[in-house]
Amino acid sequence: MNMAVMNFLSDIRNAAIANAVIVVFHIYIAFAVEGVSFLVIVLPIGALVAGAYFLKGKKGAALLALPTLAYLFVFATNSSEMFDMSKNGGDEDIGWGIYILIPFWLFTILLNIMSIVAEVRGTSKYSNR
């Protein structure tokens, strides 16, 4: 059971799927809230995630590392606002969804880091390809 969880967490394809969920959500946000110009940021991240899904191995890990670094930067600069939002009853645009999105986003960052480490160390099931 323990190894099954670790294998799931270190699978780059699972990390890419979690990132794809975030990208799809941000495409919705681009059309509903931010404006279409927000897609200039979202679509390249989606391309990196798709590349990581299909390439796997060290190349996939390198592609997945770029959005992960961006997520960490956004979290480092905006974490206090995110937690204040959760104390004040949610966001004005997505409301209670913030209580689902922030934990999912943090889980995705953890998933990315674990899968990147597994790919770089060569301990994932895709490392031989």
Protein backbone atom coordinates (compact mmCIF):
# COMPACT_ATOMS: atom_id res chain seq x y z
CA MET A 1 0.00 0.00 0.00
CA ASN A 2 2.76 2.44 0.94
CA MET A 3 4.68 1.85 -2.30
CA ALA A 4 1.49 2.21 -4.31
CA VAL A 5 0.98 5.68 -2.86
CA MET A 6 4.59 6.63 -3.55
CA ASN A 7 4.35 5.29 -7.10
CA PHE A 8 1.19 7.33 -7.64
CA LEU A 9 2.77 10.49 -6.22
CA SER A 10 5.96 10.12 -8.24
CA ASP A 11 4.25 9.37 -11.58
CA ILE A 12 4.86 12.29 -13.93
CA ARG A 13 1.68 11.52 -15.84
CA ASN A 14 -0.44 11.94 -12.71
CA ALA A 15 1.32 15.24 -12.04
CA ALA A 16 0.69 16.36 -15.63
CA ILE A 17 -3.01 15.48 -15.34
CA ALA A 18 -3.31 17.49 -12.11
CA ASN A 19 -1.60 20.41 -13.85
CA ALA A 20 -3.95 20.05 -16.82
CA VAL A 21 -6.91 20.47 -14.44
CA ILE A 22 -5.35 23.72 -13.22
CA VAL A 23 -4.75 24.88 -16.82
CA VAL A 24 -8.36 24.13 -17.81
CA PHE A 25 -9.61 26.06 -14.77
CA HIS A 26 -7.42 29.02 -15.71
CA ILE A 27 -8.75 28.94 -19.28
CA TYR A 28 -12.22 29.32 -17.75
CA ILE A 29 -10.91 32.17 -15.56
CA ALA A 30 -9.43 33.84 -18.65
CA PHE A 31 -12.81 33.94 -20.37
CA ALA A 32 -14.98 34.59 -17.31
CA VAL A 33 -12.91 36.98 -15.19
CA GLU A 34 -9.47 38.10 -16.37
CA GLY A 35 -9.94 38.55 -20.10
CA VAL A 36 -8.63 36.68 -23.12
CA SER A 37 -5.17 38.27 -22.77
CA PHE A 38 -4.68 36.04 -19.70
CA LEU A 39 -4.37 33.12 -22.13
CA VAL A 40 -0.91 34.45 -23.05
CA ILE A 41 0.23 33.08 -19.68
CA VAL A 42 -2.00 30.00 -19.47
CA LEU A 43 -1.50 28.42 -22.90
CA PRO A 44 2.33 28.18 -22.74
CA ILE A 45 2.03 26.56 -19.32
CA GLY A 46 -0.48 24.12 -20.83
CA ALA A 47 1.99 23.34 -23.61
CA LEU A 48 4.75 22.64 -21.07
CA VAL A 49 2.43 20.35 -19.11
CA ALA A 50 1.41 18.48 -22.27
CA GLY A 51 5.06 18.13 -23.24
CA ALA A 52 5.89 16.71 -19.80
CA TYR A 53 3.04 14.19 -20.13
CA PHE A 54 4.26 12.89 -23.47
CA LEU A 55 8.05 13.12 -23.06
CA LYS A 56 8.40 11.76 -19.51
CA GLY A 57 11.90 11.07 -18.17
CA LYS A 58 14.39 13.86 -17.58
CA LYS A 59 13.07 15.94 -20.47
CA GLY A 60 9.55 15.72 -19.10
CA ALA A 61 10.83 16.62 -15.63
CA ALA A 62 12.56 19.70 -17.04
CA LEU A 63 9.36 20.78 -18.77
CA LEU A 64 7.32 20.22 -15.62
CA ALA A 65 9.86 22.10 -13.51
CA LEU A 66 9.09 25.39 -15.28
CA PRO A 67 5.40 25.60 -14.28
CA THR A 68 6.32 24.29 -10.82
CA LEU A 69 8.78 27.15 -10.33
CA ALA A 70 6.10 29.58 -11.50
CA TYR A 71 3.59 28.09 -9.02
CA LEU A 72 6.12 28.37 -6.20
CA PHE A 73 6.84 31.99 -7.12
CA VAL A 74 3.13 32.86 -7.20
CA PHE A 75 2.57 31.10 -3.89
CA ALA A 76 5.56 32.83 -2.28
CA THR A 77 4.38 36.27 -3.37
CA ASN A 78 0.62 35.84 -2.82
CA SER A 79 0.21 33.30 -0.01
CA SER A 80 -0.89 35.86 2.59
CA GLU A 81 -3.63 37.11 0.25
CA MET A 82 -4.72 33.54 -0.45
CA PHE A 83 -5.06 32.71 3.21
CA ASP A 84 -6.83 36.01 3.95
CA MET A 85 -9.27 35.15 1.17
CA SER A 86 -10.04 31.84 2.84
CA LYS A 87 -10.65 33.58 6.18
CA ASN A 88 -12.98 36.16 4.64
CA GLY A 89 -15.39 33.72 3.03
CA GLY A 90 -13.78 33.15 -0.32
CA ASP A 91 -13.03 35.07 -3.46
CA GLU A 92 -15.46 37.53 -5.03
CA ASP A 93 -15.24 35.80 -8.42
CA ILE A 94 -15.18 32.10 -7.52
CA GLY A 95 -16.59 32.23 -3.99
CA TRP A 96 -16.36 29.03 -1.98
CA GLY A 97 -14.37 27.35 -4.77
CA ILE A 98 -11.26 28.83 -3.19
CA TYR A 99 -11.56 26.23 -0.41
CA ILE A 100 -11.14 23.49 -3.02
CA LEU A 101 -8.68 25.19 -5.34
CA ILE A 102 -5.96 26.26 -2.91
CA PRO A 103 -5.50 22.77 -1.36
CA PHE A 104 -5.62 21.16 -4.83
CA TRP A 105 -3.04 23.65 -6.09
CA LEU A 106 -0.73 22.98 -3.13
CA PHE A 107 -1.16 19.21 -3.64
CA THR A 108 -0.25 19.67 -7.31
CA ILE A 109 2.94 21.51 -6.36
CA LEU A 110 3.88 18.62 -4.06
CA LEU A 111 3.01 16.09 -6.78
CA ASN A 112 5.16 17.99 -9.28
CA ILE A 113 8.15 18.10 -6.96
CA MET A 114 7.92 14.39 -6.15
CA SER A 115 7.58 13.37 -9.80
CA ILE A 116 10.41 15.66 -10.91
CA VAL A 117 12.72 14.18 -8.27
CA ALA A 118 11.74 10.63 -9.29
CA GLU A 119 12.37 11.35 -12.97
CA VAL A 120 15.73 13.03 -12.37
CA ARG A 121 16.93 10.29 -10.00
CA GLY A 122 15.81 7.62 -12.46
CA THR A 123 13.52 5.88 -9.98
CA SER A 124 10.26 6.32 -11.89
CA LYS A 125 8.75 3.70 -14.15
CA TYR A 126 9.48 5.96 -17.16
CA SER A 127 13.16 6.55 -16.42
CA ASN A 128 14.42 3.94 -18.91
CA ARG A 129 12.76 5.59 -21.89
